[in-house]
Amino acid sequence: MKKIFIYSFFLLGLAFAIAGCKKSNYPGGTISAFIPMYDLRNLYKGADLTLTQDNMFGSDQISGVVISDHTEGNLPTGYLILQDKRRLNELRGITIPLGDAAKNYVSGDSIHVHVVGAVLKREDGMLQLTGITPDKITKITSGIVIPPNRVPASFILANPDKYESTLVAMAKGTFDPLPSAGDTFSGPKIVNDGFADFILNTQPTASFANNTNLPVVGNYYGIVINRPLSDGRLYPQIRMRKASDAVVLSSTIEVAPAVISGWINDPQGTDANNEYIQFLATQDINFATTPMSVVTSNNAGTAEPTGAPLSGWAVGGVRTYKFNITTGTAKKGTYFYVGGTGRLINSTGSTSIASANFVKTRNYGTTAGEGFGNTTTNLLANSGNAYGIALFKGTTVTAASVPIDVVWVNNGGALYQASPAAGYRVANNDFYDTVNPLTLVPQPYFTQGLNTLCFIYAPTSDAGWFYKASGVYNPAQGKWVKAREHFVFQLEKTSTIETIEGPTERIWYDRATNVEVRRDTIYATSLRQPKP
């Protein structure tokens, strides 16, 4: 396998900091009666621990908000579960086996618990505070609103102890396989949130277990319950508390016929007529009967028209350039390309990739775009402000057109204005949502609301960096089941088409010392095969 990676960069997605805790008394002042849940969980070192004021740094209580609710019968019997984020704003939870008294508390109750003499131990996969009796618990208030805590499934799978006994929001979840008429919530179900598969487990005795009309795409609010595997590892499942913890987002599947999988914005040498974009077909496509269009956006500071793009992707000028794809074909699971007529892998003097499936080429250096876009030496900016790529159904693109797929590099420049609303519309994909999936507030434009994710620029200019967006798309579900990660690697003049279509070796370097620290393999964007 050709070793071509010099540096690699990941998409900055949802960022979670893992903070440490110094095991010592609180410096100065009066010691709090309450030990944060974060510190409490850190006391456990694999063996049962009886809690004392000494080993709790002088504290004797915990406080938190109850997240368990036994009214609809889907949580483990007798579990009182509460969470807090008193320490470093880090949310942590704990489970208290309380027997029938656990039913006396519901989500949103604020409680104080005296824990001196209780035993911290792991039972049935869960870290628990045993030996607590109802008289040790004081309810302070009720009806506290618990803000949604959206966590990617991949984060929970990677660190189940961190998220155990906390209430999480699994957004944009899709059952795999998709539910059929008559299917119910009962039992363990595989659900994917765009980052990984997770288990949504509903007890057959839960009051909503036999509910039908399952969401095609939905949000699932639930508590992370860990169960032990035979090798001692913890495997998390999500337990909804009640039927209303399932929120329908969509009852239909929208499949993107193709997705963006790679591009080169700054080949080594002349850019004009040598930039190209790689796509992956998710179904068989005949462009004569199913035409599409590709629009590029270059938002360099002096690009005209200036200001927010009032016509969106159709703003034209030197801001956006359109290619119409009306001929050619692409088989499901194969790559196709759009770009300049050069069809060289890394500009002048490099390997020809004319044998690749270029369904549309256009000399953008001498020829205006199809419908809009001036001649330009750069479809995509080389540094500084943002550039974007969008794929559309059909060949008509207006301010109201919504892309099939879209990616952005950087977020600088005049991209969006709130009033009157104008900007570049996004697709519903692994990075962006036209509606906030938790609040259900519309956010149709890039940089509006939560639509702020973007790739980053390669480290140097005029060096032939290829941007590879590597993920897994499931056509049956119409979604990314493994969100695209962003890698840039440097092409040589002798690189071949296999370099940008197949797996390659990624080399990690310590930036401070420039010493190699790890190697692994990056695979091309792919489609998930149907489950048997």
Protein backbone atom coordinates (compact mmCIF):
# COMPACT_ATOMS: atom_id res chain seq x y z
CA MET A 1 0.00 0.00 0.00
CA LYS A 2 1.48 3.35 -1.02
CA LYS A 3 2.54 5.46 1.97
CA ILE A 4 1.45 8.91 0.96
CA PHE A 5 0.17 10.57 4.13
CA ILE A 6 2.28 13.35 5.60
CA TYR A 7 -0.29 14.84 7.97
CA SER A 8 -3.95 14.11 8.54
CA PHE A 9 -6.71 16.28 9.86
CA PHE A 10 -10.11 15.28 11.21
CA LEU A 11 -13.39 17.12 10.81
CA LEU A 12 -14.02 19.08 13.97
CA GLY A 13 -17.38 17.50 14.89
CA LEU A 14 -18.90 17.40 18.30
CA ALA A 15 -15.94 18.22 20.72
CA PHE A 16 -15.90 16.68 24.20
CA ALA A 17 -13.03 17.40 26.65
CA ILE A 18 -11.97 14.70 29.10
CA ALA A 19 -10.92 16.38 32.30
CA GLY A 20 -8.88 14.96 35.17
CA CYS A 21 -9.44 15.31 38.89
CA LYS A 22 -6.86 15.91 41.58
CA LYS A 23 -7.41 13.63 44.56
CA SER A 24 -6.92 16.05 47.45
CA ASN A 25 -8.87 18.20 49.83
CA TYR A 26 -10.45 21.32 48.42
CA PRO A 27 -7.99 24.19 48.86
CA GLY A 28 -9.10 26.90 51.26
CA GLY A 29 -12.59 27.97 52.31
CA THR A 30 -15.30 25.74 53.73
CA ILE A 31 -15.49 22.16 52.50
CA SER A 32 -18.77 21.52 50.70
CA ALA A 33 -21.13 19.00 52.20
CA PHE A 34 -21.66 17.66 48.67
CA ILE A 35 -19.13 15.66 46.71
CA PRO A 36 -19.61 16.07 42.95
CA MET A 37 -20.68 12.96 41.07
CA TYR A 38 -17.55 13.25 38.94
CA ASP A 39 -15.34 12.89 42.04
CA LEU A 40 -17.55 10.21 43.55
CA ARG A 41 -17.23 7.95 40.50
CA ASN A 42 -13.47 8.51 40.42
CA LEU A 43 -13.18 7.04 43.93
CA TYR A 44 -14.03 3.60 42.55
CA LYS A 45 -10.89 1.66 41.58
CA GLY A 46 -12.37 -1.76 40.80
CA ALA A 47 -13.04 -2.90 44.36
CA ASP A 48 -15.97 -2.23 46.70
CA LEU A 49 -15.46 1.00 48.66
CA THR A 50 -17.25 2.04 51.85
CA LEU A 51 -17.72 5.81 51.78
CA THR A 52 -16.45 7.96 54.63
CA GLN A 53 -15.98 11.68 55.08
CA ASP A 54 -12.24 11.10 54.88
CA ASN A 55 -12.25 9.42 51.48
CA MET A 56 -14.84 11.94 50.24
CA PHE A 57 -12.57 14.89 51.10
CA GLY A 58 -14.77 15.95 54.03
CA SER A 59 -18.12 15.75 52.23
CA ASP A 60 -20.95 13.50 53.36
CA GLN A 61 -23.67 13.95 50.73
CA ILE A 62 -24.40 13.99 47.03
CA SER A 63 -26.97 16.11 45.25
CA GLY A 64 -28.42 15.75 41.81
CA VAL A 65 -31.42 15.74 39.56
CA VAL A 66 -33.36 12.51 39.23
CA ILE A 67 -33.50 11.20 35.65
CA SER A 68 -35.17 7.85 36.34
CA ASP A 69 -38.94 7.42 35.97
CA HIS A 70 -40.64 4.09 36.65
CA THR A 71 -44.19 5.10 35.72
CA GLU A 72 -44.07 3.25 32.37
CA GLY A 73 -41.94 0.33 33.49
CA ASN A 74 -38.91 0.32 31.20
CA LEU A 75 -36.05 0.93 33.65
CA PRO A 76 -34.40 -1.77 35.78
CA THR A 77 -36.64 -2.33 38.78
CA GLY A 78 -35.69 -0.45 41.93
CA TYR A 79 -33.08 1.83 40.34
CA LEU A 80 -33.05 5.47 41.43
CA ILE A 81 -30.76 7.28 38.95
CA LEU A 82 -29.56 10.86 39.32
CA GLN A 83 -26.96 13.08 37.66
CA ASP A 84 -25.09 16.33 38.25
CA LYS A 85 -22.35 18.44 36.68
CA ARG A 86 -21.01 20.19 39.77
CA ARG A 87 -17.38 19.44 38.87
CA LEU A 88 -15.78 21.14 35.84
CA ASN A 89 -19.21 21.17 34.15
CA GLU A 90 -18.73 17.44 33.52
CA LEU A 91 -22.00 15.54 33.59
CA ARG A 92 -21.92 12.28 35.55
CA GLY A 93 -24.57 10.03 37.04
CA ILE A 94 -24.96 7.32 39.65
CA THR A 95 -27.44 4.52 40.31
CA ILE A 96 -28.91 3.82 43.75
CA PRO A 97 -30.73 0.49 44.22
CA LEU A 98 -33.64 1.64 46.38
CA GLY A 99 -36.29 -1.02 45.83
CA ASP A 100 -39.95 0.02 45.58
CA ALA A 101 -39.12 3.48 46.97
CA ALA A 102 -37.45 4.34 43.63
CA LYS A 103 -40.97 4.77 42.22
CA ASN A 104 -41.50 7.73 44.50
CA TYR A 105 -39.18 9.88 42.40
CA VAL A 106 -39.55 11.05 38.81
CA SER A 107 -37.38 12.91 36.33
CA GLY A 108 -36.84 16.50 37.37
CA ASP A 109 -36.83 15.92 41.13
CA SER A 110 -33.87 17.53 42.90
CA ILE A 111 -32.61 15.45 45.83
CA HIS A 112 -29.91 15.34 48.50
CA VAL A 113 -28.57 11.97 49.61
CA HIS A 114 -26.50 11.22 52.74
CA VAL A 115 -23.95 8.65 51.58
CA VAL A 116 -21.56 8.08 54.50
CA GLY A 117 -21.53 4.32 55.15
CA ALA A 118 -22.86 3.46 51.68
CA VAL A 119 -20.82 1.08 49.52
CA LEU A 120 -19.67 2.08 46.04
CA LYS A 121 -19.61 -1.09 43.93
CA ARG A 122 -20.23 -2.33 40.41
CA GLU A 123 -23.10 -4.78 40.10
CA ASP A 124 -24.70 -6.05 36.88
CA GLY A 125 -22.43 -3.72 34.94
CA MET A 126 -23.55 -0.56 36.74
CA LEU A 127 -21.61 1.48 39.30
CA GLN A 128 -24.02 1.69 42.23
CA LEU A 129 -24.33 3.23 45.68
CA THR A 130 -25.63 0.37 47.81
CA GLY A 131 -26.91 0.53 51.36
CA ILE A 132 -28.91 3.74 50.89
CA THR A 133 -32.30 3.73 52.61
CA PRO A 134 -35.21 6.13 51.87
CA ASP A 135 -34.61 8.07 55.10
CA LYS A 136 -31.21 9.15 53.73
CA ILE A 137 -32.88 11.01 50.83
CA THR A 138 -34.42 14.49 50.93
CA LYS A 139 -36.38 15.87 47.99
CA ILE A 140 -35.65 19.57 47.55
CA THR A 141 -37.86 20.52 44.62
CA SER A 142 -39.58 19.07 41.54
CA GLY A 143 -40.11 19.98 37.90
CA ILE A 144 -36.54 20.90 37.02
CA VAL A 145 -36.12 21.05 33.25
CA ILE A 146 -33.29 18.77 32.15
CA PRO A 147 -31.58 20.19 29.04
CA PRO A 148 -31.05 17.68 26.23
CA ASN A 149 -27.57 16.20 26.15
CA ARG A 150 -26.85 15.08 22.60
CA VAL A 151 -24.07 12.51 22.55
CA PRO A 152 -22.90 10.54 19.48
CA ALA A 153 -23.28 6.79 19.87
CA SER A 154 -19.61 6.34 19.00
CA PHE A 155 -18.64 8.37 22.08
CA ILE A 156 -20.77 6.21 24.36
CA LEU A 157 -19.38 2.99 22.89
CA ALA A 158 -15.83 4.26 23.32
CA ASN A 159 -16.34 5.28 26.95
CA PRO A 160 -19.44 3.62 28.44
CA ASP A 161 -18.39 4.35 32.03
CA LYS A 162 -18.34 8.10 31.39
CA TYR A 163 -21.95 8.20 30.14
CA GLU A 164 -23.38 5.49 32.40
CA SER A 165 -26.41 6.60 34.45
CA THR A 166 -26.83 9.84 32.46
CA LEU A 167 -29.71 10.97 30.30
CA VAL A 168 -28.68 11.32 26.65
CA ALA A 169 -30.37 12.42 23.45
CA MET A 170 -29.71 10.11 20.51
CA ALA A 171 -30.57 12.38 17.59
CA LYS A 172 -31.61 11.38 14.06
CA GLY A 173 -31.80 7.69 14.94
CA THR A 174 -32.82 5.16 12.31
CA PHE A 175 -33.68 1.51 12.93
CA ASP A 176 -31.61 -1.07 11.09
CA PRO A 177 -33.36 -2.81 9.48
CA LEU A 178 -36.06 -0.22 8.92
CA PRO A 179 -39.31 -0.97 10.77
CA SER A 180 -42.14 -2.72 8.95
CA ALA A 181 -45.85 -2.24 9.55
CA GLY A 182 -46.74 -3.77 12.87
CA ASP A 183 -43.22 -3.69 14.33
CA THR A 184 -43.06 -2.60 17.97
CA PHE A 185 -40.47 -1.16 20.37
CA SER A 186 -40.31 -4.38 22.39
CA GLY A 187 -36.87 -5.95 22.83
CA PRO A 188 -33.38 -4.84 21.83
CA LYS A 189 -33.31 -2.91 18.55
CA ILE A 190 -30.33 -1.72 16.52
CA VAL A 191 -30.51 2.02 15.90
CA ASN A 192 -27.95 4.23 14.13
CA ASP A 193 -27.51 7.94 14.84
CA GLY A 194 -25.04 8.66 12.04
CA PHE A 195 -22.00 7.90 14.17
CA ALA A 196 -22.44 4.26 15.19
CA ASP A 197 -25.02 1.57 15.92
CA PHE A 198 -26.45 1.44 19.43
CA ILE A 199 -28.94 -0.78 21.23
CA LEU A 200 -32.32 0.71 22.12
CA ASN A 201 -33.74 -1.76 24.64
CA THR A 202 -37.39 -1.82 25.61
CA GLN A 203 -38.65 -4.28 28.21
CA PRO A 204 -41.57 -6.42 26.96
CA THR A 205 -43.46 -5.37 30.10
CA ALA A 206 -43.08 -1.62 29.47
CA SER A 207 -46.40 0.10 28.86
CA PHE A 208 -45.24 1.32 25.44
CA ALA A 209 -43.48 -1.90 24.38
CA ASN A 210 -46.21 -2.83 21.90
CA ASN A 211 -46.56 0.62 20.36
CA THR A 212 -46.40 0.46 16.56
CA ASN A 213 -45.77 3.11 13.88
CA LEU A 214 -42.11 3.38 14.85
CA PRO A 215 -40.33 6.52 13.59
CA VAL A 216 -38.36 6.16 10.39
CA VAL A 217 -36.08 8.90 11.69
CA GLY A 218 -36.43 9.99 15.30
CA ASN A 219 -34.82 11.29 18.46
CA TYR A 220 -34.55 8.89 21.37
CA TYR A 221 -34.07 10.22 24.89
CA GLY A 222 -32.90 7.60 27.34
CA ILE A 223 -30.58 6.57 30.14
CA VAL A 224 -27.31 4.77 29.45
CA ILE A 225 -27.49 1.38 31.16
CA ASN A 226 -24.32 -0.73 31.03
CA ARG A 227 -24.33 -4.49 30.99
CA PRO A 228 -21.22 -6.68 31.43
CA LEU A 229 -19.85 -8.84 28.62
CA SER A 230 -18.20 -12.20 29.29
CA ASP A 231 -14.74 -10.63 28.96
CA GLY A 232 -15.51 -8.00 31.58
CA ARG A 233 -16.04 -5.11 29.18
CA LEU A 234 -19.13 -2.95 29.52
CA TYR A 235 -21.67 -2.79 26.72
CA PRO A 236 -24.09 0.14 26.84
CA GLN A 237 -27.75 0.17 25.92
CA ILE A 238 -30.21 3.04 25.87
CA ARG A 239 -33.40 2.70 27.91
CA MET A 240 -36.21 5.15 27.20
CA ARG A 241 -38.24 6.03 30.30
CA LYS A 242 -41.58 6.61 28.60
CA ALA A 243 -43.26 6.62 25.22
CA SER A 244 -42.75 10.37 24.80
CA ASP A 245 -38.97 9.81 24.86
CA ALA A 246 -39.32 8.79 21.19
CA VAL A 247 -39.81 11.87 18.98
CA VAL A 248 -40.69 11.44 15.30
CA LEU A 249 -38.56 13.54 12.96
CA SER A 250 -39.57 11.92 9.68
CA SER A 251 -41.75 9.12 8.36
CA THR A 252 -40.02 8.91 4.99
CA ILE A 253 -36.59 7.93 3.70
CA GLU A 254 -34.77 10.37 1.42
CA VAL A 255 -31.88 8.70 -0.38
CA ALA A 256 -29.11 10.82 -1.89
CA PRO A 257 -28.32 9.22 -5.28
CA ALA A 258 -24.70 10.34 -4.89
CA VAL A 259 -22.48 11.86 -2.19
CA ILE A 260 -19.30 13.92 -2.14
CA SER A 261 -16.27 11.76 -1.32
CA GLY A 262 -13.18 13.82 -2.23
CA TRP A 263 -11.72 16.79 -4.11
CA ILE A 264 -8.58 18.73 -4.92
CA ASN A 265 -8.72 22.51 -4.63
CA ASP A 266 -5.05 23.43 -5.04
CA PRO A 267 -3.09 21.01 -7.23
CA GLN A 268 0.67 21.43 -7.50
CA GLY A 269 1.01 23.82 -10.41
CA THR A 270 -1.70 25.51 -12.44
CA ASP A 271 -5.13 25.43 -10.78
CA ALA A 272 -7.13 26.62 -13.78
CA ASN A 273 -8.77 23.66 -15.52
CA ASN A 274 -7.11 21.16 -13.11
CA GLU A 275 -9.41 21.06 -10.07
CA TYR A 276 -11.86 18.17 -9.79
CA ILE A 277 -14.39 16.69 -7.39
CA GLN A 278 -15.00 13.00 -6.63
CA PHE A 279 -18.47 11.56 -5.94
CA LEU A 280 -19.72 8.12 -4.91
CA ALA A 281 -22.90 6.81 -6.56
CA THR A 282 -25.30 5.25 -4.04
CA GLN A 283 -27.50 3.83 -6.82
CA ASP A 284 -27.24 3.21 -10.55
CA ILE A 285 -27.48 6.60 -12.28
CA ASN A 286 -28.15 7.48 -15.92
CA PHE A 287 -27.57 11.22 -16.07
CA ALA A 288 -29.48 11.54 -19.34
CA THR A 289 -32.68 10.58 -17.53
CA THR A 290 -31.65 11.77 -14.05
CA PRO A 291 -29.71 15.00 -14.61
CA MET A 292 -27.83 16.65 -11.77
CA SER A 293 -25.72 19.74 -11.26
CA VAL A 294 -22.65 20.61 -9.23
CA VAL A 295 -22.07 24.10 -7.84
CA THR A 296 -18.80 25.30 -6.33
CA SER A 297 -18.49 28.34 -4.08
CA ASN A 298 -15.38 30.50 -3.65
CA ASN A 299 -15.75 33.20 -1.00
CA ALA A 300 -12.39 34.94 -1.17
CA GLY A 301 -12.61 38.41 0.38
CA THR A 302 -12.68 40.30 -2.93
CA ALA A 303 -15.00 37.83 -4.72
CA GLU A 304 -17.97 39.58 -6.33
CA PRO A 305 -20.81 39.97 -5.74
CA THR A 306 -19.73 40.84 -2.19
CA GLY A 307 -21.79 40.44 0.95
CA ALA A 308 -24.09 37.59 1.88
CA PRO A 309 -25.17 35.59 -1.20
CA LEU A 310 -28.74 36.84 -1.66
CA SER A 311 -29.33 34.22 -4.36
CA GLY A 312 -27.66 31.45 -2.41
CA TRP A 313 -25.79 28.92 -4.50
CA ALA A 314 -27.09 30.73 -7.61
CA VAL A 315 -25.35 34.00 -6.73
CA GLY A 316 -22.93 33.56 -9.67
CA GLY A 317 -20.22 36.07 -10.50
CA VAL A 318 -16.92 34.75 -9.19
CA ARG A 319 -18.66 33.40 -6.07
CA THR A 320 -20.34 30.31 -7.55
CA TYR A 321 -19.89 28.23 -10.70
CA LYS A 322 -22.28 25.57 -12.05
CA PHE A 323 -21.72 22.34 -13.99
CA ASN A 324 -24.69 20.50 -15.51
CA ILE A 325 -24.46 16.70 -15.70
CA THR A 326 -26.76 15.46 -18.45
CA THR A 327 -24.82 12.57 -19.99
CA GLY A 328 -22.96 9.52 -18.80
CA THR A 329 -23.70 6.85 -16.19
CA ALA A 330 -22.42 5.70 -12.82
CA LYS A 331 -22.92 2.30 -11.25
CA LYS A 332 -23.91 1.96 -7.61
CA GLY A 333 -20.85 1.94 -5.37
CA THR A 334 -18.50 3.48 -7.97
CA TYR A 335 -16.85 6.88 -8.20
CA PHE A 336 -17.49 9.57 -10.79
CA TYR A 337 -15.86 12.96 -11.29
CA VAL A 338 -16.70 16.56 -12.26
CA GLY A 339 -14.09 19.23 -12.97
CA GLY A 340 -11.73 20.81 -15.47
CA THR A 341 -10.87 19.28 -18.82
CA GLY A 342 -7.25 18.69 -17.79
CA ARG A 343 -8.11 15.36 -16.08
CA LEU A 344 -4.67 15.15 -14.49
CA ILE A 345 -4.30 13.85 -10.95
CA ASN A 346 -2.08 16.71 -9.76
CA SER A 347 -2.01 19.45 -12.40
CA THR A 348 0.57 19.88 -15.18
CA GLY A 349 3.14 17.14 -15.65
CA SER A 350 1.24 14.59 -13.54
CA THR A 351 -0.48 11.29 -14.30
CA SER A 352 -3.52 11.38 -16.58
CA ILE A 353 -6.71 10.09 -14.96
CA ALA A 354 -8.77 10.42 -18.13
CA SER A 355 -9.73 6.77 -17.72
CA ALA A 356 -11.71 7.65 -14.58
CA ASN A 357 -15.45 8.23 -14.92
CA PHE A 358 -15.54 11.97 -15.63
CA VAL A 359 -19.25 12.55 -16.27
CA LYS A 360 -18.70 16.28 -16.81
CA THR A 361 -15.66 18.39 -17.62
CA ARG A 362 -15.55 22.10 -18.42
CA ASN A 363 -12.67 24.49 -18.95
CA TYR A 364 -13.74 26.91 -16.24
CA GLY A 365 -10.67 29.06 -16.89
CA THR A 366 -11.99 30.09 -20.31
CA THR A 367 -15.71 29.17 -20.20
CA ALA A 368 -18.46 30.55 -18.00
CA GLY A 369 -20.60 28.26 -15.86
CA GLU A 370 -23.82 26.72 -17.09
CA GLY A 371 -26.52 29.12 -15.92
CA PHE A 372 -24.24 31.21 -13.72
CA GLY A 373 -20.61 31.67 -12.80
CA ASN A 374 -17.86 33.72 -14.45
CA THR A 375 -14.68 32.24 -15.84
CA THR A 376 -12.26 31.68 -12.98
CA THR A 377 -8.80 30.36 -12.24
CA ASN A 378 -10.04 28.82 -8.98
CA LEU A 379 -13.30 26.97 -8.48
CA LEU A 380 -12.35 26.48 -4.84
CA ALA A 381 -10.32 28.87 -2.70
CA ASN A 382 -6.76 27.96 -1.69
CA SER A 383 -6.73 29.54 1.78
CA GLY A 384 -8.53 32.00 4.04
CA ASN A 385 -12.29 32.24 3.57
CA ALA A 386 -14.71 29.39 3.06
CA TYR A 387 -15.29 27.33 -0.05
CA GLY A 388 -18.05 24.83 -0.62
CA ILE A 389 -19.27 22.09 -2.93
CA ALA A 390 -22.94 21.23 -3.46
CA LEU A 391 -24.67 18.52 -5.52
CA PHE A 392 -28.22 19.18 -6.75
CA LYS A 393 -30.94 17.16 -8.46
CA GLY A 394 -31.74 18.62 -11.86
CA THR A 395 -30.03 21.48 -13.65
CA THR A 396 -32.04 24.39 -12.27
CA VAL A 397 -30.55 25.96 -9.16
CA THR A 398 -32.11 28.99 -7.46
CA ALA A 399 -31.95 30.66 -4.05
CA ALA A 400 -34.58 28.16 -2.86
CA SER A 401 -32.81 25.01 -4.11
CA VAL A 402 -31.76 22.51 -1.44
CA PRO A 403 -28.68 20.38 -2.23
CA ILE A 404 -28.54 16.58 -2.19
CA ASP A 405 -25.17 16.82 -0.47
CA VAL A 406 -22.84 19.63 0.57
CA VAL A 407 -19.44 20.07 2.21
CA TRP A 408 -17.60 23.18 3.35
CA VAL A 409 -13.98 23.99 4.06
CA ASN A 410 -13.54 26.77 6.64
CA ASN A 411 -16.34 29.16 7.60
CA GLY A 412 -14.94 32.63 6.95
CA GLY A 413 -16.46 35.28 4.73
CA ALA A 414 -19.94 36.68 4.11
CA LEU A 415 -21.91 33.43 4.05
CA TYR A 416 -25.21 34.14 5.82
CA GLN A 417 -27.40 37.01 6.96
CA ALA A 418 -30.36 36.69 9.29
CA SER A 419 -32.56 39.49 7.96
CA PRO A 420 -33.67 39.21 5.30
CA ALA A 421 -32.60 35.55 5.50
CA ALA A 422 -30.06 34.67 2.83
CA GLY A 423 -27.16 32.31 2.42
CA TYR A 424 -26.00 28.94 1.17
CA ARG A 425 -28.58 26.24 1.86
CA VAL A 426 -27.42 22.97 3.40
CA ALA A 427 -28.44 19.36 2.86
CA ASN A 428 -29.65 17.00 5.55
CA ASN A 429 -26.50 14.92 5.81
CA ASP A 430 -23.90 13.86 8.37
CA PHE A 431 -22.79 17.46 9.03
CA TYR A 432 -25.87 19.62 8.58
CA ASP A 433 -29.59 19.72 9.33
CA THR A 434 -32.17 21.99 7.73
CA VAL A 435 -34.07 21.78 11.03
CA ASN A 436 -32.40 21.59 14.44
CA PRO A 437 -33.10 17.95 15.38
CA LEU A 438 -33.57 18.73 19.08
CA THR A 439 -35.41 22.07 19.12
CA LEU A 440 -37.10 21.58 15.70
CA VAL A 441 -36.23 25.20 14.83
CA PRO A 442 -35.51 25.72 11.08
CA GLN A 443 -31.85 26.39 10.21
CA PRO A 444 -31.61 26.02 6.42
CA TYR A 445 -28.30 27.85 5.87
CA PHE A 446 -24.62 27.17 6.46
CA THR A 447 -23.36 28.86 9.70
CA GLN A 448 -26.95 29.28 10.90
CA GLY A 449 -27.87 27.55 14.16
CA LEU A 450 -25.90 24.33 14.58
CA ASN A 451 -24.74 24.25 10.95
CA THR A 452 -21.20 25.35 11.76
CA LEU A 453 -19.16 22.21 11.10
CA CYS A 454 -16.55 22.45 8.37
CA PHE A 455 -13.33 20.88 7.16
CA ILE A 456 -10.04 22.72 7.61
CA TYR A 457 -7.50 23.85 5.06
CA ALA A 458 -4.46 21.76 4.20
CA PRO A 459 -1.25 22.99 5.87
CA THR A 460 0.49 24.40 2.79
CA SER A 461 -0.48 25.93 -0.54
CA ASP A 462 0.34 24.70 -4.06
CA ALA A 463 1.35 21.26 -2.73
CA GLY A 464 -1.24 18.93 -4.25
CA TRP A 465 -3.24 18.00 -1.16
CA PHE A 466 -6.21 15.73 -1.83
CA TYR A 467 -9.15 16.04 0.54
CA LYS A 468 -10.71 12.67 1.32
CA ALA A 469 -14.06 12.42 3.11
CA SER A 470 -14.15 8.85 4.40
CA GLY A 471 -17.41 7.48 5.82
CA VAL A 472 -20.11 4.85 5.31
CA TYR A 473 -23.46 5.62 3.66
CA ASN A 474 -26.44 3.28 3.92
CA PRO A 475 -28.79 3.69 0.92
CA ALA A 476 -31.47 1.58 2.62
CA GLN A 477 -31.66 4.08 5.48
CA GLY A 478 -30.86 7.14 3.38
CA LYS A 479 -28.19 8.30 5.82
CA TRP A 480 -24.57 8.23 6.83
CA VAL A 481 -24.19 5.44 9.39
CA LYS A 482 -20.58 6.46 9.95
CA ALA A 483 -20.08 10.17 9.54
CA ARG A 484 -17.40 11.28 7.11
CA GLU A 485 -13.98 11.97 8.56
CA HIS A 486 -11.71 14.42 6.80
CA PHE A 487 -8.18 13.53 5.79
CA VAL A 488 -5.79 15.42 3.54
CA PHE A 489 -2.84 13.73 1.94
CA GLN A 490 -0.26 14.93 -0.51
CA LEU A 491 -0.33 13.63 -4.07
CA GLU A 492 2.79 13.16 -6.13
CA LYS A 493 3.06 13.86 -9.83
CA THR A 494 3.26 10.09 -10.34
CA SER A 495 0.23 9.24 -8.19
CA THR A 496 -2.47 7.17 -9.90
CA ILE A 497 -6.25 6.93 -9.71
CA GLU A 498 -5.91 4.07 -7.21
CA THR A 499 -4.32 6.56 -4.81
CA ILE A 500 -7.57 8.53 -4.42
CA GLU A 501 -10.04 5.66 -4.82
CA GLY A 502 -8.56 2.90 -2.66
CA PRO A 503 -7.28 2.46 0.88
CA THR A 504 -4.02 4.06 1.79
CA GLU A 505 -1.75 4.33 4.81
CA ARG A 506 -2.09 7.25 7.16
CA ILE A 507 0.96 8.31 9.17
CA TRP A 508 0.50 10.27 12.39
CA TYR A 509 3.19 12.73 13.48
CA ASP A 510 3.71 14.51 16.77
CA ARG A 511 3.53 18.14 15.67
CA ALA A 512 5.96 19.32 18.32
CA THR A 513 8.73 16.85 17.42
CA ASN A 514 7.66 15.75 13.92
CA VAL A 515 8.24 12.16 15.06
CA GLU A 516 6.02 9.40 13.70
CA VAL A 517 3.74 8.08 16.45
CA ARG A 518 1.31 5.75 14.68
CA ARG A 519 0.24 4.28 11.36
CA ASP A 520 -3.14 3.04 10.30
CA THR A 521 -5.25 2.56 7.19
CA ILE A 522 -7.82 4.93 5.75
CA TYR A 523 -10.51 3.43 3.59
CA ALA A 524 -12.43 5.05 0.81
CA THR A 525 -15.98 6.28 1.22
CA SER A 526 -18.22 3.23 1.01
CA LEU A 527 -21.78 1.93 1.12
CA ARG A 528 -23.08 -0.27 3.91
CA GLN A 529 -24.26 -3.63 2.64
CA PRO A 530 -27.81 -4.63 3.61
CA LYS A 531 -28.09 -6.69 6.78
CA PRO A 532 -29.14 -10.31 6.15
